[in-house]
Structures are given as C-alpha cells and as structure tokens.
Amino acid sequence: MSITLVGSTYDGGSLAAYETVSVNFTGGNWTGGTVQENDVVVLIATCRGSIADESLPFTINTSGYTVDTNNPIRADDDFKTYHMVAHKVMGSTPDTSVSVTQFSNSSTY
C-alpha cells in the first residue's frame, strides 16, 4: 500500500468569532484530482485567539470527520494558538467540501 497526495487546498484570512468557512475540494485553491471513495481527507486548521477565550476553537459542520486534536498549543500573555487536526475516510459519495466554524475570538486562521 502506498500513500499518494491527491490534492491540497487552503483558505486563509481573518474571521470573526462564530464565522464559518467552507473549503472546497474542486476549483478555487484546490490543486489536484477528484476525491474518490476510500480516500482519506486530512483537515488541519489553526488560529490565534484571545487568551480569555477558553472554548474549543473549531467545530466541523460536515458529518463523518474524526477530530484527532482540537486544543491550544501555545500561549503567551495575550493570545493562544489553536490547532485542530481531523480526518475522514470518504465513502461511496465523497465530500466535495468541508465546512468549519471558528468559535474563538480569532484574529487570523
């Protein structure tokens, strides 16, 4: 068995708290082929949020993803850097996008 990168994408910028972003697996920033059945999609999300906001920073709105980690990874006097990693094995009808809501009071993601 081998592992092959099918494609990659990104969506970056500045979000307000509770804002949702949809990352598409076709067009736009997507570089690669079509996501197929049994492909594993790995989602990595980061943001920098207020130290006062202790809530988990991200929620995945697209069903079937397993969250591997969703925690602050670094803190200074004013901000935390949050990091989430999740994955999903695609079924017979693979997703064409994933929707993620950011709950922290973040300046960047």
N, C-alpha and C. Protein backbone atom coordinates (compact mmCIF):
# COMPACT_ATOMS: atom_id res chain seq x y z
N MET A 1 0.84 -1.17 0.00
CA MET A 1 0.00 0.00 0.00
C MET A 1 0.89 1.24 0.00
N SER A 2 0.47 2.23 -0.76
CA SER A 2 1.22 3.48 -0.78
C SER A 2 0.29 4.65 -0.48
N ILE A 3 0.89 5.74 -0.11
CA ILE A 3 0.14 6.97 0.17
C ILE A 3 0.47 7.96 -0.93
N THR A 4 -0.56 8.52 -1.54
CA THR A 4 -0.39 9.48 -2.61
C THR A 4 -1.20 10.72 -2.30
N LEU A 5 -0.60 11.89 -2.43
CA LEU A 5 -1.32 13.14 -2.25
C LEU A 5 -2.21 13.35 -3.47
N VAL A 6 -3.52 13.39 -3.25
CA VAL A 6 -4.47 13.59 -4.34
C VAL A 6 -4.58 15.07 -4.67
N GLY A 7 -4.54 15.91 -3.65
CA GLY A 7 -4.65 17.35 -3.86
C GLY A 7 -4.55 18.08 -2.55
N SER A 8 -4.53 19.40 -2.63
CA SER A 8 -4.48 20.21 -1.41
C SER A 8 -5.18 21.53 -1.67
N THR A 9 -5.57 22.18 -0.60
CA THR A 9 -6.21 23.48 -0.70
C THR A 9 -5.97 24.24 0.58
N TYR A 10 -6.29 25.51 0.56
CA TYR A 10 -6.17 26.32 1.75
C TYR A 10 -7.21 27.43 1.68
N ASP A 11 -7.52 27.97 2.81
CA ASP A 11 -8.37 29.14 2.89
C ASP A 11 -7.87 29.92 4.09
N GLY A 12 -7.39 31.09 3.88
CA GLY A 12 -6.82 31.85 4.97
C GLY A 12 -7.31 33.27 4.98
N GLY A 13 -7.23 33.87 6.13
CA GLY A 13 -7.66 35.25 6.24
C GLY A 13 -8.00 35.60 7.66
N SER A 14 -8.97 36.43 7.82
CA SER A 14 -9.38 36.87 9.14
C SER A 14 -10.86 36.62 9.32
N LEU A 15 -11.21 35.95 10.40
CA LEU A 15 -12.61 35.64 10.69
C LEU A 15 -13.01 36.23 12.02
N ALA A 16 -14.27 36.60 12.12
CA ALA A 16 -14.84 36.98 13.41
C ALA A 16 -15.21 35.70 14.15
N ALA A 17 -15.44 35.80 15.44
CA ALA A 17 -15.87 34.63 16.21
C ALA A 17 -17.19 34.11 15.64
N TYR A 18 -17.36 32.80 15.65
CA TYR A 18 -18.57 32.11 15.19
C TYR A 18 -18.77 32.20 13.69
N GLU A 19 -17.76 32.55 12.94
CA GLU A 19 -17.88 32.61 11.49
C GLU A 19 -17.54 31.24 10.91
N THR A 20 -18.16 30.91 9.76
CA THR A 20 -17.97 29.61 9.12
C THR A 20 -17.23 29.78 7.81
N VAL A 21 -16.34 28.85 7.52
CA VAL A 21 -15.64 28.82 6.24
C VAL A 21 -15.86 27.45 5.61
N SER A 22 -16.06 27.44 4.29
CA SER A 22 -16.21 26.20 3.55
C SER A 22 -15.00 26.03 2.65
N VAL A 23 -14.33 24.90 2.79
CA VAL A 23 -13.15 24.61 1.98
C VAL A 23 -13.56 23.58 0.93
N ASN A 24 -13.42 23.96 -0.35
CA ASN A 24 -13.87 23.10 -1.46
C ASN A 24 -12.75 22.21 -1.96
N PHE A 25 -13.14 21.00 -2.41
CA PHE A 25 -12.19 20.05 -2.97
C PHE A 25 -12.20 20.09 -4.50
N THR A 26 -12.76 21.13 -5.06
CA THR A 26 -12.76 21.35 -6.51
C THR A 26 -12.64 22.84 -6.76
N GLY A 27 -12.01 23.22 -7.86
CA GLY A 27 -11.92 24.63 -8.23
C GLY A 27 -11.20 25.48 -7.19
N GLY A 28 -11.26 26.78 -7.35
CA GLY A 28 -10.67 27.71 -6.39
C GLY A 28 -9.21 27.41 -6.12
N ASN A 29 -8.87 27.23 -4.84
CA ASN A 29 -7.49 26.95 -4.43
C ASN A 29 -7.13 25.47 -4.50
N TRP A 30 -8.07 24.60 -4.86
CA TRP A 30 -7.82 23.17 -4.89
C TRP A 30 -6.81 22.84 -5.98
N THR A 31 -5.79 22.09 -5.62
CA THR A 31 -4.79 21.65 -6.59
C THR A 31 -4.77 20.13 -6.55
N GLY A 32 -5.36 19.51 -7.51
CA GLY A 32 -5.34 18.06 -7.53
C GLY A 32 -6.52 17.47 -8.26
N GLY A 33 -6.62 16.16 -8.11
CA GLY A 33 -7.67 15.42 -8.78
C GLY A 33 -8.95 15.35 -7.96
N THR A 34 -9.82 14.46 -8.35
CA THR A 34 -11.11 14.28 -7.69
C THR A 34 -10.95 13.38 -6.47
N VAL A 35 -11.59 13.76 -5.37
CA VAL A 35 -11.59 12.92 -4.17
C VAL A 35 -12.46 11.70 -4.46
N GLN A 36 -11.91 10.52 -4.20
CA GLN A 36 -12.56 9.25 -4.52
C GLN A 36 -12.96 8.49 -3.25
N GLU A 37 -13.79 7.47 -3.44
CA GLU A 37 -14.13 6.56 -2.35
C GLU A 37 -12.85 5.97 -1.77
N ASN A 38 -12.79 5.85 -0.46
CA ASN A 38 -11.67 5.32 0.32
C ASN A 38 -10.49 6.29 0.44
N ASP A 39 -10.54 7.46 -0.19
CA ASP A 39 -9.51 8.47 0.06
C ASP A 39 -9.66 8.97 1.49
N VAL A 40 -8.56 9.32 2.11
CA VAL A 40 -8.57 9.89 3.45
C VAL A 40 -8.32 11.39 3.32
N VAL A 41 -9.27 12.19 3.77
CA VAL A 41 -9.10 13.64 3.78
C VAL A 41 -8.62 14.03 5.17
N VAL A 42 -7.52 14.78 5.23
CA VAL A 42 -6.98 15.27 6.49
C VAL A 42 -7.20 16.78 6.51
N LEU A 43 -7.84 17.25 7.56
CA LEU A 43 -8.14 18.67 7.74
C LEU A 43 -7.26 19.21 8.86
N ILE A 44 -6.54 20.29 8.57
CA ILE A 44 -5.70 20.95 9.58
C ILE A 44 -6.13 22.40 9.63
N ALA A 45 -6.49 22.88 10.81
CA ALA A 45 -6.93 24.26 10.97
C ALA A 45 -6.18 24.89 12.14
N THR A 46 -5.77 26.13 11.98
CA THR A 46 -5.11 26.86 13.05
C THR A 46 -5.68 28.26 13.15
N CYS A 47 -5.62 28.82 14.33
CA CYS A 47 -6.00 30.21 14.52
C CYS A 47 -5.32 30.75 15.77
N ARG A 48 -5.26 32.04 15.84
CA ARG A 48 -4.71 32.70 17.02
C ARG A 48 -5.86 33.43 17.70
N GLY A 49 -6.12 33.08 18.96
CA GLY A 49 -7.28 33.64 19.65
C GLY A 49 -6.92 34.29 20.96
N SER A 50 -7.87 35.01 21.48
CA SER A 50 -7.71 35.70 22.76
C SER A 50 -7.47 34.70 23.88
N ILE A 51 -6.55 35.03 24.77
CA ILE A 51 -6.24 34.17 25.91
C ILE A 51 -7.45 34.00 26.83
N ALA A 52 -8.36 34.97 26.78
CA ALA A 52 -9.55 34.92 27.64
C ALA A 52 -10.58 33.93 27.14
N ASP A 53 -10.49 33.52 25.89
CA ASP A 53 -11.47 32.61 25.30
C ASP A 53 -10.97 31.18 25.46
N GLU A 54 -11.57 30.45 26.39
CA GLU A 54 -11.11 29.09 26.68
C GLU A 54 -11.87 28.01 25.91
N SER A 55 -12.82 28.39 25.04
CA SER A 55 -13.61 27.39 24.32
C SER A 55 -12.76 26.70 23.26
N LEU A 56 -13.22 25.53 22.84
CA LEU A 56 -12.55 24.85 21.74
C LEU A 56 -12.71 25.71 20.49
N PRO A 57 -11.66 25.86 19.70
CA PRO A 57 -11.67 26.85 18.64
C PRO A 57 -12.47 26.48 17.39
N PHE A 58 -12.67 25.21 17.10
CA PHE A 58 -13.28 24.83 15.83
C PHE A 58 -14.35 23.77 16.01
N THR A 59 -15.36 23.82 15.16
CA THR A 59 -16.34 22.75 15.03
C THR A 59 -16.47 22.41 13.55
N ILE A 60 -16.44 21.13 13.23
CA ILE A 60 -16.62 20.69 11.84
C ILE A 60 -18.11 20.48 11.64
N ASN A 61 -18.68 21.14 10.63
CA ASN A 61 -20.11 21.04 10.36
C ASN A 61 -20.44 19.92 9.38
N THR A 62 -19.45 19.40 8.69
CA THR A 62 -19.64 18.32 7.73
C THR A 62 -19.52 16.99 8.47
N SER A 63 -20.49 16.11 8.30
CA SER A 63 -20.54 14.88 9.08
C SER A 63 -19.43 13.89 8.71
N GLY A 64 -19.08 13.05 9.67
CA GLY A 64 -18.19 11.94 9.43
C GLY A 64 -16.72 12.16 9.74
N TYR A 65 -16.33 13.37 10.10
CA TYR A 65 -14.93 13.64 10.41
C TYR A 65 -14.60 13.23 11.85
N THR A 66 -13.45 12.64 12.04
CA THR A 66 -12.95 12.30 13.37
C THR A 66 -11.94 13.36 13.76
N VAL A 67 -12.20 14.04 14.88
CA VAL A 67 -11.27 15.07 15.36
C VAL A 67 -10.17 14.39 16.16
N ASP A 68 -8.94 14.56 15.71
CA ASP A 68 -7.79 13.95 16.37
C ASP A 68 -7.24 14.84 17.47
N THR A 69 -7.28 16.15 17.28
CA THR A 69 -6.88 17.11 18.32
C THR A 69 -7.56 18.44 18.03
N ASN A 70 -7.91 19.17 19.09
CA ASN A 70 -8.58 20.46 18.96
C ASN A 70 -8.26 21.26 20.22
N ASN A 71 -7.03 21.70 20.34
CA ASN A 71 -6.55 22.29 21.58
C ASN A 71 -5.65 23.49 21.35
N PRO A 72 -5.51 24.32 22.38
CA PRO A 72 -4.48 25.36 22.30
C PRO A 72 -3.12 24.69 22.37
N ILE A 73 -2.18 25.18 21.57
CA ILE A 73 -0.85 24.57 21.58
C ILE A 73 0.23 25.52 22.08
N ARG A 74 -0.08 26.81 22.18
CA ARG A 74 0.91 27.74 22.70
C ARG A 74 0.17 28.94 23.26
N ALA A 75 0.67 29.46 24.35
CA ALA A 75 0.05 30.65 24.93
C ALA A 75 1.13 31.64 25.35
N ASP A 76 0.82 32.91 25.16
CA ASP A 76 1.65 33.95 25.74
C ASP A 76 0.73 34.79 26.63
N ASP A 77 1.09 35.98 26.95
CA ASP A 77 0.28 36.79 27.87
C ASP A 77 -1.06 37.22 27.30
N ASP A 78 -1.18 37.28 25.97
CA ASP A 78 -2.39 37.81 25.36
C ASP A 78 -3.14 36.84 24.45
N PHE A 79 -2.44 35.91 23.82
CA PHE A 79 -3.07 35.07 22.81
C PHE A 79 -2.68 33.61 22.97
N LYS A 80 -3.56 32.74 22.45
CA LYS A 80 -3.27 31.31 22.31
C LYS A 80 -3.28 30.98 20.82
N THR A 81 -2.47 30.03 20.43
CA THR A 81 -2.54 29.49 19.08
C THR A 81 -3.28 28.16 19.19
N TYR A 82 -4.37 28.04 18.46
CA TYR A 82 -5.19 26.84 18.48
C TYR A 82 -4.89 26.01 17.24
N HIS A 83 -5.02 24.70 17.38
CA HIS A 83 -4.68 23.79 16.29
C HIS A 83 -5.68 22.63 16.31
N MET A 84 -6.27 22.33 15.16
CA MET A 84 -7.16 21.18 15.04
C MET A 84 -6.71 20.31 13.88
N VAL A 85 -6.70 19.01 14.12
CA VAL A 85 -6.45 18.03 13.07
C VAL A 85 -7.61 17.05 13.09
N ALA A 86 -8.17 16.78 11.92
CA ALA A 86 -9.28 15.84 11.80
C ALA A 86 -9.10 15.05 10.50
N HIS A 87 -9.78 13.91 10.41
CA HIS A 87 -9.70 13.12 9.18
C HIS A 87 -11.02 12.43 8.90
N LYS A 88 -11.19 12.03 7.65
CA LYS A 88 -12.38 11.28 7.24
C LYS A 88 -12.01 10.38 6.07
N VAL A 89 -12.44 9.12 6.13
CA VAL A 89 -12.31 8.21 5.00
C VAL A 89 -13.57 8.39 4.16
N MET A 90 -13.39 8.74 2.89
CA MET A 90 -14.53 9.03 2.03
C MET A 90 -15.30 7.76 1.69
N GLY A 91 -16.61 7.88 1.72
CA GLY A 91 -17.49 6.77 1.36
C GLY A 91 -17.79 6.75 -0.13
N SER A 92 -18.88 6.08 -0.50
CA SER A 92 -19.21 5.92 -1.92
C SER A 92 -19.59 7.24 -2.59
N THR A 93 -20.01 8.23 -1.80
CA THR A 93 -20.27 9.58 -2.33
C THR A 93 -19.33 10.53 -1.59
N PRO A 94 -18.12 10.73 -2.11
CA PRO A 94 -17.14 11.57 -1.41
C PRO A 94 -17.61 13.01 -1.27
N ASP A 95 -17.18 13.65 -0.20
CA ASP A 95 -17.48 15.07 0.00
C ASP A 95 -16.81 15.90 -1.09
N THR A 96 -17.43 17.04 -1.40
CA THR A 96 -16.81 18.00 -2.31
C THR A 96 -16.30 19.22 -1.56
N SER A 97 -16.62 19.29 -0.25
CA SER A 97 -16.14 20.39 0.59
C SER A 97 -16.27 19.99 2.05
N VAL A 98 -15.68 20.79 2.91
CA VAL A 98 -15.84 20.63 4.36
C VAL A 98 -16.10 22.01 4.93
N SER A 99 -17.04 22.09 5.87
CA SER A 99 -17.42 23.35 6.49
C SER A 99 -16.97 23.34 7.95
N VAL A 100 -16.28 24.42 8.34
CA VAL A 100 -15.74 24.53 9.69
C VAL A 100 -16.16 25.88 10.28
N THR A 101 -16.64 25.87 11.53
CA THR A 101 -16.98 27.10 12.23
C THR A 101 -15.92 27.38 13.28
N GLN A 102 -15.49 28.61 13.32
CA GLN A 102 -14.49 29.04 14.30
C GLN A 102 -15.21 29.69 15.48
N PHE A 103 -14.96 29.20 16.67
CA PHE A 103 -15.64 29.70 17.85
C PHE A 103 -14.79 30.64 18.69
N SER A 104 -13.48 30.62 18.49
CA SER A 104 -12.65 31.51 19.29
C SER A 104 -12.71 32.92 18.72
N ASN A 105 -12.32 33.87 19.50
CA ASN A 105 -12.26 35.27 19.09
C ASN A 105 -10.94 35.49 18.37
N SER A 106 -10.87 35.05 17.14
CA SER A 106 -9.59 34.93 16.47
C SER A 106 -9.28 36.12 15.57
N SER A 107 -8.01 36.42 15.47
CA SER A 107 -7.59 37.45 14.55
C SER A 107 -7.17 36.88 13.20
N THR A 108 -6.68 35.64 13.18
CA THR A 108 -6.27 35.02 11.93
C THR A 108 -6.57 33.53 11.99
N TYR A 109 -6.72 32.93 10.81
CA TYR A 109 -6.90 31.47 10.75
C TYR A 109 -6.16 30.92 9.57
